Protein backbone atom coordinates (compact mmCIF):
# COMPACT_ATOMS: atom_id res chain seq x y z
CA UNK A 1 -65.72 32.41 31.22
CA UNK A 2 -63.72 30.90 28.37
CA UNK A 3 -61.47 33.38 26.63
CA UNK A 4 -62.43 33.86 22.99
CA UNK A 5 -61.67 36.21 20.17
CA UNK A 6 -63.84 39.33 19.83
CA UNK A 7 -65.17 37.91 16.56
CA UNK A 8 -66.51 34.84 18.31
CA UNK A 9 -68.12 36.99 20.98
CA UNK A 10 -70.15 38.73 18.29
CA UNK A 11 -71.43 35.69 16.45
CA UNK A 12 -73.22 32.36 16.69
CA UNK A 13 -71.94 28.81 16.19
CA UNK A 14 -74.27 26.56 14.21
CA UNK A 15 -74.04 22.77 13.98
CA UNK A 16 -76.85 20.45 12.98
CA UNK A 17 -80.09 21.70 14.51
CA UNK A 18 -78.18 23.51 17.30
CA UNK A 19 -76.98 27.07 17.83
CA UNK A 20 -74.53 28.22 20.51
CA UNK A 21 -74.38 31.94 21.31
CA UNK A 22 -71.13 32.82 23.15
CA UNK A 23 -72.38 36.33 23.92
CA UNK A 24 -75.56 35.29 25.74
CA UNK A 25 -74.32 31.89 26.89
CA UNK A 26 -77.35 30.17 25.33
CA UNK A 27 -77.64 26.83 23.56
CA UNK A 28 -80.68 26.41 21.30
CA UNK A 29 -82.07 23.51 19.30
CA UNK A 30 -84.30 24.49 16.36
CA UNK A 31 -84.80 27.84 18.06
CA UNK A 32 -85.75 26.33 21.45
CA UNK A 33 -83.44 27.22 24.33
CA UNK A 34 -81.88 24.26 26.17
CA UNK A 35 -80.82 24.20 29.79
CA UNK A 36 -77.06 23.76 30.03
CA UNK A 37 -74.74 24.66 32.89
CA UNK A 38 -71.85 27.08 32.54
CA UNK A 39 -68.93 24.63 32.52
CA UNK A 40 -70.43 22.26 29.90
CA UNK A 41 -71.19 25.31 27.75
CA UNK A 42 -67.59 26.51 28.14
CA UNK A 43 -66.31 23.13 26.97
CA UNK A 44 -68.70 23.30 24.01
CA UNK A 45 -67.34 26.71 22.98
CA UNK A 46 -63.76 25.45 23.09
CA UNK A 47 -64.66 22.45 20.90
CA UNK A 48 -66.69 24.58 18.47
CA UNK A 49 -63.78 26.97 18.11
CA UNK A 50 -61.59 24.10 16.92
CA UNK A 51 -63.83 21.65 15.02
CA UNK A 52 -62.23 18.39 13.86
CA UNK A 53 -59.16 19.14 16.04
CA UNK A 54 -58.11 17.31 19.18
CA UNK A 55 -58.60 19.41 22.31
CA UNK A 56 -56.52 17.85 25.08
CA UNK A 57 -57.78 17.27 28.59
CA UNK A 58 -55.00 19.51 29.91
CA UNK A 59 -56.23 22.40 27.75
CA UNK A 60 -59.73 21.99 29.12
CA UNK A 61 -58.39 21.86 32.68
CA UNK A 62 -56.64 25.19 32.17
CA UNK A 63 -59.83 26.70 30.75
CA UNK A 64 -62.17 25.45 33.47
CA UNK A 65 -60.09 25.50 36.63
CA UNK A 66 -57.34 27.96 37.64
CA UNK A 67 -53.94 26.58 38.59
CA UNK A 68 -54.59 27.04 42.33
CA UNK A 69 -57.91 25.14 42.28
CA UNK A 70 -57.94 21.77 44.03
CA UNK A 71 -60.36 19.40 42.31
CA UNK A 72 -60.55 15.78 41.19
CA UNK A 73 -59.84 16.86 37.64
CA UNK A 74 -60.44 13.58 35.79
CA UNK A 75 -63.75 12.86 37.47
CA UNK A 76 -64.93 16.48 37.22
CA UNK A 77 -64.11 16.79 33.52
CA UNK A 78 -65.84 13.49 32.75
CA UNK A 79 -68.92 14.78 34.55
CA UNK A 80 -68.85 18.07 32.62
CA UNK A 81 -68.54 16.29 29.25
CA UNK A 82 -71.33 13.85 30.13
CA UNK A 83 -73.64 16.77 30.97
CA UNK A 84 -72.76 18.37 27.64
CA UNK A 85 -73.51 15.14 25.78
CA UNK A 86 -76.83 14.89 27.60
CA UNK A 87 -77.77 18.41 26.48
CA UNK A 88 -76.89 17.51 22.87
CA UNK A 89 -78.62 14.09 23.00
CA UNK A 90 -75.23 12.59 22.14
CA UNK A 91 -73.54 9.39 23.33
CA UNK A 92 -69.96 8.29 23.81
CA UNK A 93 -70.62 4.91 22.14
CA UNK A 94 -72.04 6.37 18.90
CA UNK A 95 -70.97 10.02 18.93
CA UNK A 96 -72.57 12.48 16.53
CA UNK A 97 -70.85 15.53 17.98
CA UNK A 98 -68.22 14.81 20.66
CA UNK A 99 -65.70 12.02 20.16
CA UNK A 100 -63.59 10.81 23.08
CA UNK A 101 -59.95 10.07 22.40
CA UNK A 102 -58.78 7.86 25.25
CA UNK A 103 -56.29 9.57 27.60
CA UNK A 104 -55.85 12.40 25.08
CA UNK A 105 -58.93 14.58 24.90
CA UNK A 106 -61.98 15.26 22.74
CA UNK A 107 -62.81 16.16 19.15
CA UNK A 108 -65.93 17.82 17.70
CA UNK A 109 -67.15 15.76 14.72
CA UNK A 110 -70.04 17.66 13.11
CA UNK A 111 -69.53 20.50 10.62
CA UNK A 112 -69.52 23.87 12.40
CA UNK A 113 -70.55 27.20 10.90
CA UNK A 114 -69.85 30.55 12.52
CA UNK A 115 -72.19 33.42 11.63
CA UNK A 116 -71.45 37.01 12.60
CA UNK A 117 -74.28 38.92 14.25
CA UNK A 118 -75.67 41.78 12.23
CA UNK A 119 -74.74 45.18 13.65
CA UNK A 120 -77.61 47.45 14.62
CA UNK A 121 -78.26 50.14 11.97
CA UNK A 122 -76.79 53.58 12.73
CA UNK A 123 -74.12 52.27 15.12
CA UNK A 124 -71.02 53.23 13.11
CA UNK A 125 -67.79 54.19 14.85
CA UNK A 126 -67.60 57.93 15.57
CA UNK A 127 -64.05 58.14 14.22
CA UNK A 128 -65.18 57.53 10.63
CA UNK A 129 -65.44 60.98 9.07
CA UNK A 130 -66.07 59.98 5.45
CA UNK A 131 -67.25 56.89 3.63
CA UNK A 132 -64.47 54.54 2.57
CA UNK A 133 -64.79 52.43 -0.55
CA UNK A 134 -64.18 48.98 0.96
CA UNK A 135 -66.07 45.89 -0.24
CA UNK A 136 -68.20 44.53 2.59
CA UNK A 137 -69.36 40.94 2.87
CA UNK A 138 -72.94 40.26 4.00
CA UNK A 139 -73.26 40.01 7.77
CA UNK A 140 -75.44 36.90 7.44
CA UNK A 141 -74.39 34.48 4.71
CA UNK A 142 -77.13 32.29 3.41
CA UNK A 143 -77.31 29.16 5.52
CA UNK A 144 -79.54 26.12 5.37
CA UNK A 145 -82.49 26.05 7.69
CA UNK A 146 -81.90 24.40 11.05
CA UNK A 147 -85.15 22.45 10.63
CA UNK A 148 -85.32 19.76 7.94
CA UNK A 149 -88.17 17.38 7.10
CA UNK A 150 -85.77 14.61 6.04
CA UNK A 151 -82.94 13.31 8.20
CA UNK A 152 -79.58 14.96 7.54
CA UNK A 153 -76.14 13.38 7.76
CA UNK A 154 -75.20 15.29 10.92
CA UNK A 155 -78.37 14.06 12.68
CA UNK A 156 -77.49 10.35 12.62
CA UNK A 157 -74.84 8.30 14.45
CA UNK A 158 -72.01 6.54 12.67
CA UNK A 159 -72.75 2.82 12.12
CA UNK A 160 -70.36 0.24 10.73
CA UNK A 161 -70.92 -0.15 7.01
CA UNK A 162 -71.26 -3.92 7.08
CA UNK A 163 -74.41 -3.60 9.21
CA UNK A 164 -75.77 -0.87 6.96
CA UNK A 165 -75.15 -2.96 3.84
CA UNK A 166 -76.78 -6.05 5.36
CA UNK A 167 -79.97 -4.21 6.36
CA UNK A 168 -80.15 -2.31 3.08
CA UNK A 169 -79.71 -5.58 1.16
CA UNK A 170 -82.57 -7.23 3.10
CA UNK A 171 -84.89 -4.30 2.34
CA UNK A 172 -84.16 -4.55 -1.39
CA UNK A 173 -84.72 -8.31 -1.23
CA UNK A 174 -88.09 -7.73 0.44
CA UNK A 175 -89.28 -5.41 -2.33
CA UNK A 176 -87.96 -7.78 -5.01
CA UNK A 177 -89.97 -10.61 -3.40
CA UNK A 178 -93.11 -8.43 -3.47
CA UNK A 179 -92.72 -7.77 -7.19
CA UNK A 180 -91.98 -11.37 -8.16
CA UNK A 181 -94.80 -12.80 -6.02
CA UNK A 182 -97.33 -10.33 -7.46
CA UNK A 183 -96.31 -11.01 -11.08
CA UNK A 184 -96.23 -14.77 -10.51
CA UNK A 185 -99.79 -14.77 -9.12
CA UNK A 186 -101.48 -12.17 -11.28
CA UNK A 187 -104.68 -14.19 -11.54
CA UNK A 188 -105.04 -14.42 -7.77
CA UNK A 189 -104.13 -10.75 -7.37
CA UNK A 190 -106.76 -9.87 -9.99
CA UNK A 191 -109.38 -11.76 -7.99
CA UNK A 192 -108.41 -10.03 -4.77
CA UNK A 193 -108.52 -6.60 -6.42
CA UNK A 194 -111.89 -7.39 -7.96
CA UNK A 195 -113.27 -8.33 -4.55
CA UNK A 196 -111.87 -5.15 -3.01
CA UNK A 197 -112.47 -2.60 -5.79
CA UNK A 198 -115.05 -4.11 -8.11
CA UNK A 199 -113.38 -2.78 -11.29
CA UNK A 200 -109.68 -3.61 -10.94
CA UNK A 201 -108.50 -2.86 -14.50
CA UNK A 202 -106.78 0.41 -13.56
CA UNK A 203 -105.40 -1.11 -10.37
CA UNK A 204 -103.97 -4.10 -12.25
CA UNK A 205 -102.34 -1.79 -14.79
CA UNK A 206 -100.80 0.32 -12.04
CA UNK A 207 -99.56 -2.76 -10.18
CA UNK A 208 -97.93 -4.33 -13.25
CA UNK A 209 -96.28 -1.08 -14.36
CA UNK A 210 -94.89 -0.36 -10.88
CA UNK A 211 -93.57 -3.92 -10.56
CA UNK A 212 -91.92 -3.83 -14.00
CA UNK A 213 -90.28 -0.46 -13.19
CA UNK A 214 -89.31 -1.53 -9.69
CA UNK A 215 -87.68 -4.84 -10.67
CA UNK A 216 -84.60 -3.40 -12.45
CA UNK A 217 -84.18 -0.75 -9.76
CA UNK A 218 -84.10 -3.38 -6.99
CA UNK A 219 -81.76 -5.62 -9.00
CA UNK A 220 -79.43 -2.66 -9.51
CA UNK A 221 -79.44 -1.77 -5.79
CA UNK A 222 -78.88 -5.40 -4.78
CA UNK A 223 -75.90 -5.72 -7.11
CA UNK A 224 -74.58 -2.37 -5.86
CA UNK A 225 -74.62 -3.68 -2.29
CA UNK A 226 -73.13 -7.05 -3.18
CA UNK A 227 -70.22 -5.49 -5.09
CA UNK A 228 -69.89 -2.56 -2.65
CA UNK A 229 -70.41 0.04 -5.36
CA UNK A 230 -68.68 3.35 -4.64
CA UNK A 231 -71.02 6.30 -4.07
CA UNK A 232 -74.10 4.13 -3.47
CA UNK A 233 -75.58 6.67 -1.06
CA UNK A 234 -75.34 9.47 -3.63
CA UNK A 235 -76.83 7.28 -6.36
CA UNK A 236 -79.71 6.19 -4.12
CA UNK A 237 -80.51 9.79 -3.20
CA UNK A 238 -80.80 10.56 -6.91
CA UNK A 239 -83.15 7.57 -7.33
CA UNK A 240 -85.14 8.45 -4.20
CA UNK A 241 -87.75 10.65 -5.99
CA UNK A 242 -88.51 7.68 -8.26
CA UNK A 243 -88.40 4.87 -5.69
CA UNK A 244 -90.38 6.78 -3.05
CA UNK A 245 -93.80 6.74 -4.84
CA UNK A 246 -93.22 3.09 -5.85
CA UNK A 247 -92.44 2.08 -2.27
CA UNK A 248 -95.40 4.02 -0.88
CA UNK A 249 -97.70 2.34 -3.43
CA UNK A 250 -96.46 -1.12 -2.49
CA UNK A 251 -96.91 -0.25 1.18
CA UNK A 252 -100.61 -0.96 0.51
CA UNK A 253 -99.87 -4.56 -0.55
CA UNK A 254 -100.71 -6.09 2.89
CA UNK A 255 -104.36 -5.16 2.27
CA UNK A 256 -104.38 -7.77 -0.52
CA UNK A 257 -103.98 -10.32 2.29
CA UNK A 258 -106.60 -8.70 4.53
CA UNK A 259 -109.10 -11.59 4.03
CA UNK A 260 -106.51 -13.92 5.55
CA UNK A 261 -104.63 -11.82 8.10
CA UNK A 262 -107.36 -9.35 9.05
CA UNK A 263 -107.67 -5.62 8.51
CA UNK A 264 -105.87 -4.72 11.76
CA UNK A 265 -102.70 -6.65 10.93
CA UNK A 266 -102.79 -5.40 7.35
CA UNK A 267 -103.00 -1.82 8.63
CA UNK A 268 -100.05 -2.37 11.00
CA UNK A 269 -97.93 -3.88 8.20
CA UNK A 270 -98.81 -0.99 5.89
CA UNK A 271 -97.81 1.57 8.53
CA UNK A 272 -94.42 -0.14 8.87
CA UNK A 273 -93.89 -0.28 5.10
CA UNK A 274 -94.69 3.42 4.75
CA UNK A 275 -91.61 4.16 6.90
CA UNK A 276 -89.25 1.81 5.01
CA UNK A 277 -88.34 4.28 2.19
CA UNK A 278 -87.12 6.77 4.81
CA UNK A 279 -85.30 3.97 6.67
CA UNK A 280 -83.32 3.12 3.52
CA UNK A 281 -82.18 6.72 3.17
CA UNK A 282 -81.25 7.02 6.86
CA UNK A 283 -79.30 3.74 6.76
CA UNK A 284 -77.08 4.99 3.94
CA UNK A 285 -76.46 8.27 5.79
CA UNK A 286 -75.30 6.25 8.81
CA UNK A 287 -72.91 4.33 6.59
CA UNK A 288 -71.52 7.60 5.19
CA UNK A 289 -70.85 8.89 8.72
CA UNK A 290 -68.77 5.80 9.54
CA UNK A 291 -66.21 6.69 6.84
């Protein structure tokens, strides 16, 4: 087993949706135990103990194989790391957790949190004869839940920002085209809504208001991408509660073309557009990881 401090033996490493328990030798994802062999788990503990630092291949050799062990070290270590990446659903090309530094070693990328296990009540050392007035920190600091509905930064791979900006720009251009086309053909849209709903006054009002509100937002986001505005991801996340209902409303726009393209194709297009608001958010998180 990998040598570790007594503190590490009595706690749990947390990173992303994963937990590594050095005491039990278990790796869990969202509370579900994963199958991982001993040597990959040992490598994981070494990396978790030194997050963001370079752990050399020689250090890992000394941890995994004694000096008198004869083994094809390079091939064996590569195999161990590949098995660890497989357990973490990670990749060497777009690493979320384990980065390879050619001919040097490895580095753990994601934020790591170490949480001490809570001692069982009543198990105080027998040598303590009287209470001592020492401030005690909570055994379990408050930590965010391992399960999140929305994608988190540590869950996505790093993608070059120029690709993120291009895709994000195209999405904003798509929504801007929706708004302009609807406002430019209000009479035709009114006829389509009347055919579909019978009394389209409320629907027309909702459509016009959402388009008028959405236009400046899309123009702002397009200009932010073009001029590479600093902190775009943070600004978009603040706008997300406003843009999300607008985007979900306009996800129904393909049904205005149902008489021409058919209900099935309109339903498929709507399903894709429902996902686009989340895709925008995930794209910006990928761009943040690349920094």
